[in-house]
C-alpha atoms as a PDB file:
ATOM      1  CA  GLU A   1     127.094 133.046  54.698  1.00  0.00           C
ATOM      2  CA  GLN A   2     129.667 130.369  54.401  1.00  0.00           C
ATOM      3  CA  GLY A   3     129.932 129.393  58.118  1.00  0.00           C
ATOM      4  CA  HIS A   4     132.750 127.772  60.005  1.00  0.00           C
ATOM      5  CA  ALA A   5     133.980 124.813  57.928  1.00  0.00           C
ATOM      6  CA  PRO A   6     135.470 122.696  60.756  1.00  0.00           C
ATOM      7  CA  ALA A   7     132.214 123.057  62.801  1.00  0.00           C
ATOM      8  CA  GLN A   8     130.145 122.142  59.706  1.00  0.00           C
ATOM      9  CA  CYS A   9     132.352 119.100  59.090  1.00  0.00           C
ATOM     10  CA  ASN A  10     132.152 117.919  62.626  1.00  0.00           C
ATOM     11  CA  LEU A  11     128.383 118.417  62.756  1.00  0.00           C
ATOM     12  CA  GLY A  12     128.008 116.550  59.458  1.00  0.00           C
ATOM     13  CA  ASN A  13     130.124 113.644  60.756  1.00  0.00           C
ATOM     14  CA  MET A  14     128.116 113.520  63.982  1.00  0.00           C
ATOM     15  CA  TYR A  15     124.812 113.305  62.069  1.00  0.00           C
ATOM     16  CA  HIS A  16     126.387 110.659  59.806  1.00  0.00           C
ATOM     17  CA  ALA A  17     127.492 108.502  62.788  1.00  0.00           C
ATOM     18  CA  GLY A  18     124.419 109.261  64.852  1.00  0.00           C
ATOM     19  CA  HIS A  19     126.299 110.721  67.754  1.00  0.00           C
ATOM     20  CA  GLY A  20     124.007 112.734  70.045  1.00  0.00           C
ATOM     21  CA  ALA A  21     121.033 113.051  67.726  1.00  0.00           C
ATOM     22  CA  GLY A  22     120.567 109.777  65.910  1.00  0.00           C
ATOM     23  CA  VAL A  23     121.658 109.168  62.279  1.00  0.00           C
ATOM     24  CA  ASN A  24     120.457 111.893  59.874  1.00  0.00           C
ATOM     25  CA  TYR A  25     122.127 111.520  56.497  1.00  0.00           C
ATOM     26  CA  LYS A  26     120.266 114.554  55.059  1.00  0.00           C
ATOM     27  CA  LYS A  27     121.734 116.838  57.730  1.00  0.00           C
ATOM     28  CA  ALA A  28     125.083 115.089  57.444  1.00  0.00           C
ATOM     29  CA  ILE A  29     125.162 115.844  53.687  1.00  0.00           C
ATOM     30  CA  GLU A  30     124.144 119.465  54.308  1.00  0.00           C
ATOM     31  CA  GLY A  31     126.940 120.127  56.798  1.00  0.00           C
ATOM     32  CA  LEU A  32     129.579 118.256  54.857  1.00  0.00           C
ATOM     33  CA  GLU A  33     128.690 119.929  51.553  1.00  0.00           C
ATOM     34  CA  LYS A  34     129.000 123.364  53.122  1.00  0.00           C
ATOM     35  CA  ALA A  35     132.411 122.574  54.594  1.00  0.00           C
ATOM     36  CA  ALA A  36     133.614 120.680  51.501  1.00  0.00           C
ATOM     37  CA  GLN A  37     132.767 123.596  49.196  1.00  0.00           C
ATOM     38  CA  GLN A  38     134.959 125.808  51.425  1.00  0.00           C
ATOM     39  CA  GLY A  39     137.869 123.365  50.753  1.00  0.00           C
ATOM     40  CA  HIS A  40     137.786 121.522  54.040  1.00  0.00           C
ATOM     41  CA  ALA A  41     139.656 118.280  53.274  1.00  0.00           C
ATOM     42  CA  GLU A  42     138.072 116.108  55.938  1.00  0.00           C
ATOM     43  CA  ALA A  43     134.603 117.160  54.863  1.00  0.00           C
ATOM     44  CA  GLN A  44     135.497 116.469  51.221  1.00  0.00           C
ATOM     45  CA  TYR A  45     136.736 112.984  52.255  1.00  0.00           C
ATOM     46  CA  SER A  46     133.606 112.268  54.297  1.00  0.00           C
ATOM     47  CA  LEU A  47     131.313 113.507  51.500  1.00  0.00           C
ATOM     48  CA  ALA A  48     133.188 111.196  49.050  1.00  0.00           C
ATOM     49  CA  ALA A  49     132.464 108.266  51.347  1.00  0.00           C
ATOM     50  CA  MET A  50     128.803 109.150  51.528  1.00  0.00           C
ATOM     51  CA  TYR A  51     128.559 109.272  47.743  1.00  0.00           C
ATOM     52  CA  GLY A  52     130.504 106.065  47.397  1.00  0.00           C
ATOM     53  CA  GLN A  53     128.384 104.204  49.918  1.00  0.00           C
ATOM     54  CA  GLY A  54     125.066 105.816  49.034  1.00  0.00           C
ATOM     55  CA  ARG A  55     124.368 107.185  52.466  1.00  0.00           C
ATOM     56  CA  GLY A  56     121.742 109.926  52.190  1.00  0.00           C
ATOM     57  CA  VAL A  57     122.295 110.129  48.463  1.00  0.00           C
ATOM     58  CA  ASP A  58     122.250 107.731  45.530  1.00  0.00           C
ATOM     59  CA  VAL A  59     125.552 105.942  45.003  1.00  0.00           C
ATOM     60  CA  ASN A  60     127.562 108.201  42.638  1.00  0.00           C
ATOM     61  CA  ASN A  61     131.095 106.982  42.072  1.00  0.00           C
ATOM     62  CA  LYS A  62     131.942 109.957  39.916  1.00  0.00           C
ATOM     63  CA  LYS A  63     131.047 112.433  42.645  1.00  0.00           C
ATOM     64  CA  ALA A  64     132.794 110.211  45.192  1.00  0.00           C
ATOM     65  CA  PHE A  65     135.954 110.318  43.008  1.00  0.00           C
ATOM     66  CA  GLU A  66     135.740 114.090  42.591  1.00  0.00           C
ATOM     67  CA  TRP A  67     135.415 114.838  46.294  1.00  0.00           C
ATOM     68  CA  CYS A  68     138.041 112.221  47.243  1.00  0.00           C
ATOM     69  CA  LYS A  69     140.436 113.765  44.713  1.00  0.00           C
ATOM     70  CA  LYS A  70     140.042 117.230  46.176  1.00  0.00           C
ATOM     71  CA  ALA A  71     140.836 115.918  49.689  1.00  0.00           C
ATOM     72  CA  ALA A  72     143.766 113.857  48.388  1.00  0.00           C
ATOM     73  CA  GLU A  73     145.203 116.862  46.641  1.00  0.00           C
ATOM     74  CA  GLN A  74     145.391 118.572  50.003  1.00  0.00           C
ATOM     75  CA  GLY A  75     147.544 115.694  51.347  1.00  0.00           C
ATOM     76  CA  LEU A  76     144.905 113.840  53.426  1.00  0.00           C
ATOM     77  CA  ALA A  77     146.341 110.287  53.672  1.00  0.00           C
ATOM     78  CA  ASN A  78     142.922 108.597  54.026  1.00  0.00           C
ATOM     79  CA  ALA A  79     141.822 110.264  50.855  1.00  0.00           C
ATOM     80  CA  GLN A  80     145.052 109.499  48.980  1.00  0.00           C
ATOM     81  CA  CYS A  81     144.617 105.805  49.918  1.00  0.00           C
ATOM     82  CA  ASN A  82     140.968 105.667  48.957  1.00  0.00           C
ATOM     83  CA  LEU A  83     141.603 107.534  45.724  1.00  0.00           C
ATOM     84  CA  GLY A  84     144.252 104.887  44.974  1.00  0.00           C
ATOM     85  CA  VAL A  85     141.655 102.213  45.591  1.00  0.00           C
ATOM     86  CA  MET A  86     139.330 103.980  43.182  1.00  0.00           C
ATOM     87  CA  TYR A  87     142.009 104.037  40.448  1.00  0.00           C
ATOM     88  CA  GLU A  88     142.978 100.446  41.113  1.00  0.00           C
ATOM     89  CA  ASN A  89     139.288  99.246  40.876  1.00  0.00           C
ATOM     90  CA  GLY A  90     137.931 101.736  38.387  1.00  0.00           C
ATOM     91  CA  GLN A  91     135.371 103.346  40.667  1.00  0.00           C
ATOM     92  CA  GLY A  92     134.293 106.616  39.141  1.00  0.00           C
ATOM     93  CA  VAL A  93     137.437 106.650  36.948  1.00  0.00           C
ATOM     94  CA  ASP A  94     139.222 104.340  34.518  1.00  0.00           C
ATOM     95  CA  VAL A  95     141.519 101.781  35.997  1.00  0.00           C
ATOM     96  CA  ASN A  96     145.091 103.145  36.331  1.00  0.00           C
ATOM     97  CA  TYR A  97     147.557 101.100  38.383  1.00  0.00           C
ATOM     98  CA  LYS A  98     150.334 103.700  38.006  1.00  0.00           C
ATOM     99  CA  LYS A  99     148.166 106.477  39.466  1.00  0.00           C
ATOM    100  CA  ALA A 100     146.951 104.089  42.239  1.00  0.00           C
ATOM    101  CA  ILE A 101     150.563 103.317  43.196  1.00  0.00           C
ATOM    102  CA  GLU A 102     151.413 107.039  43.128  1.00  0.00           C
ATOM    103  CA  LEU A 103     148.609 107.782  45.564  1.00  0.00           C
ATOM    104  CA  TYR A 104     149.240 104.737  47.760  1.00  0.00           C
ATOM    105  CA  GLU A 105     152.876 105.759  48.055  1.00  0.00           C
ATOM    106  CA  LYS A 106     151.978 109.275  49.136  1.00  0.00           C
ATOM    107  CA  ALA A 107     149.727 107.935  51.861  1.00  0.00           C
ATOM    108  CA  ALA A 108     152.099 105.156  52.836  1.00  0.00           C
ATOM    109  CA  GLU A 109     154.923 107.623  53.347  1.00  0.00           C
ATOM    110  CA  GLN A 110     152.682 109.385  55.862  1.00  0.00           C
ATOM    111  CA  GLY A 111     152.392 106.132  57.792  1.00  0.00           C
ATOM    112  CA  HIS A 112     148.984 105.008  56.494  1.00  0.00           C
ATOM    113  CA  ALA A 113     148.874 101.226  57.189  1.00  0.00           C
ATOM    114  CA  SER A 114     146.276 100.361  54.569  1.00  0.00           C
ATOM    115  CA  ALA A 115     148.248 102.286  51.910  1.00  0.00           C
ATOM    116  CA  GLN A 116     151.365 100.424  52.894  1.00  0.00           C
ATOM    117  CA  TYR A 117     149.488  97.111  52.639  1.00  0.00           C
ATOM    118  CA  ASN A 118     148.175  98.116  49.254  1.00  0.00           C
ATOM    119  CA  MET A 119     151.718  98.985  48.092  1.00  0.00           C
ATOM    120  CA  GLY A 120     152.699  95.502  49.170  1.00  0.00           C
ATOM    121  CA  ILE A 121     149.810  93.971  47.188  1.00  0.00           C
ATOM    122  CA  MET A 122     150.773  95.957  44.065  1.00  0.00           C
ATOM    123  CA  TYR A 123     154.337  94.731  44.267  1.00  0.00           C
ATOM    124  CA  ASN A 124     153.347  91.161  45.165  1.00  0.00           C
ATOM    125  CA  ASN A 125     150.921  90.948  42.293  1.00  0.00           C
ATOM    126  CA  GLY A 126     152.738  93.021  39.691  1.00  0.00           C
ATOM    127  CA  GLN A 127     149.987  95.508  39.275  1.00  0.00           C
ATOM    128  CA  GLY A 128     151.387  98.674  37.644  1.00  0.00           C
ATOM    129  CA  VAL A 129     154.962  97.531  38.640  1.00  0.00           C
ATOM    130  CA  ASP A 130     157.120  94.502  38.137  1.00  0.00           C
ATOM    131  CA  VAL A 131     156.604  91.808  40.729  1.00  0.00           C
ATOM    132  CA  LYS A 132     159.163  92.511  43.483  1.00  0.00           C
ATOM    133  CA  TYR A 133     158.683  90.343  46.495  1.00  0.00           C
ATOM    134  CA  LYS A 134     161.360  92.136  48.481  1.00  0.00           C
ATOM    135  CA  LYS A 135     159.576  95.478  48.102  1.00  0.00           C
ATOM    136  CA  ALA A 136     156.178  93.798  48.792  1.00  0.00           C
ATOM    137  CA  ILE A 137     157.459  92.402  52.025  1.00  0.00           C
ATOM    138  CA  ASP A 138     159.038  95.783  53.051  1.00  0.00           C
ATOM    139  CA  TRP A 139     155.650  97.371  52.648  1.00  0.00           C
ATOM    140  CA  PHE A 140     153.725  94.554  54.277  1.00  0.00           C
ATOM    141  CA  GLU A 141     156.106  94.735  57.262  1.00  0.00           C
ATOM    142  CA  LYS A 142     155.467  98.464  57.774  1.00  0.00           C
ATOM    143  CA  ALA A 143     151.701  97.872  57.786  1.00  0.00           C
ATOM    144  CA  ALA A 144     152.014  94.725  59.875  1.00  0.00           C
ATOM    145  CA  GLU A 145     153.962  96.399  62.604  1.00  0.00           C
ATOM    146  CA  GLN A 146     151.019  98.830  62.923  1.00  0.00           C
ATOM    147  CA  GLY A 147     148.662  95.888  63.495  1.00  0.00           C
ATOM    148  CA  HIS A 148     147.264  95.670  59.975  1.00  0.00           C
ATOM    149  CA  VAL A 149     145.857  92.090  60.085  1.00  0.00           C
ATOM    150  CA  LEU A 150     145.995  91.319  56.265  1.00  0.00           C
ATOM    151  CA  ALA A 151     149.578  92.549  56.193  1.00  0.00           C
ATOM    152  CA  GLN A 152     150.464  90.261  59.118  1.00  0.00           C
ATOM    153  CA  CYS A 153     148.860  87.411  57.326  1.00  0.00           C
ATOM    154  CA  ASN A 154     150.785  88.165  54.152  1.00  0.00           C
ATOM    155  CA  MET A 155     154.029  88.470  56.147  1.00  0.00           C
ATOM    156  CA  GLY A 156     153.379  84.880  57.452  1.00  0.00           C
ATOM    157  CA  ILE A 157     152.616  83.551  53.979  1.00  0.00           C
ATOM    158  CA  MET A 158     155.713  85.181  52.486  1.00  0.00           C
ATOM    159  CA  TYR A 159     157.976  83.713  55.191  1.00  0.00           C
ATOM    160  CA  TYR A 160     156.306  80.353  54.653  1.00  0.00           C
ATOM    161  CA  HIS A 161     156.915  80.393  50.965  1.00  0.00           C
ATOM    162  CA  GLY A 162     160.234  82.279  51.028  1.00  0.00           C
ATOM    163  CA  GLU A 163     159.030  85.152  48.830  1.00  0.00           C
ATOM    164  CA  GLY A 164     161.212  88.199  49.276  1.00  0.00           C
ATOM    165  CA  VAL A 165     162.826  86.557  52.284  1.00  0.00           C
ATOM    166  CA  GLY A 166     164.289  83.192  53.105  1.00  0.00           C
ATOM    167  CA  VAL A 167     161.881  80.417  54.203  1.00  0.00           C
ATOM    168  CA  ASN A 168     161.444  80.858  57.905  1.00  0.00           C
ATOM    169  CA  TYR A 169     158.691  78.832  59.472  1.00  0.00           C
ATOM    170  CA  LYS A 170     159.221  80.361  62.942  1.00  0.00           C
ATOM    171  CA  LYS A 171     158.673  83.892  61.561  1.00  0.00           C
ATOM    172  CA  ALA A 172     155.748  82.653  59.493  1.00  0.00           C
ATOM    173  CA  ILE A 173     154.062  81.276  62.658  1.00  0.00           C
ATOM    174  CA  GLU A 174     154.798  84.500  64.615  1.00  0.00           C
ATOM    175  CA  TRP A 175     153.111  86.689  61.988  1.00  0.00           C
ATOM    176  CA  LEU A 176     150.217  84.295  61.452  1.00  0.00           C
ATOM    177  CA  GLU A 177     149.633  84.094  65.185  1.00  0.00           C
ATOM    178  CA  LYS A 178     149.523  87.916  65.442  1.00  0.00           C
ATOM    179  CA  ALA A 179     146.966  87.991  62.659  1.00  0.00           C
ATOM    180  CA  ALA A 180     144.908  85.103  64.089  1.00  0.00           C
ATOM    181  CA  LYS A 181     144.682  86.903  67.511  1.00  0.00           C
ATOM    182  CA  GLN A 182     142.907  89.913  65.950  1.00  0.00           C
END
């Protein structure tokens, strides 16, 4: 019997977070694995996180990568962003900046603030792409407008140094104050 995947996923996440019954990683893994094996993207993503963090299982970056990839292939923005991080940092897979950028961009286009920030970082640092401060600031701004504190900080720094924009101390202060208040 396969069971109802969304219910299994929700139950697994509740046991993982300890909502209603206390934290129980063993039961969390059981529910999430059942749902993930049925192709439930959220369950695959949650299971990837548990393997990546060693919650209820030994840390296993290869399994974390495999489950995250399955969720990302279904278009789940959180999974696409995290899979990009795995490619960027070589967690469970060889470092591949081009693949990281491809995944960040997919998630960023869905409005995922961390993916937008990560795109900004890649353009700012020239990881897998040429350094392009204008593109970096465009991505940082999208994330910053959603309240992403690191993106707000980077916006302030870029306005301070005039990277991708003209030097503008007033805007630098505005962005840094927004970040400082968080």
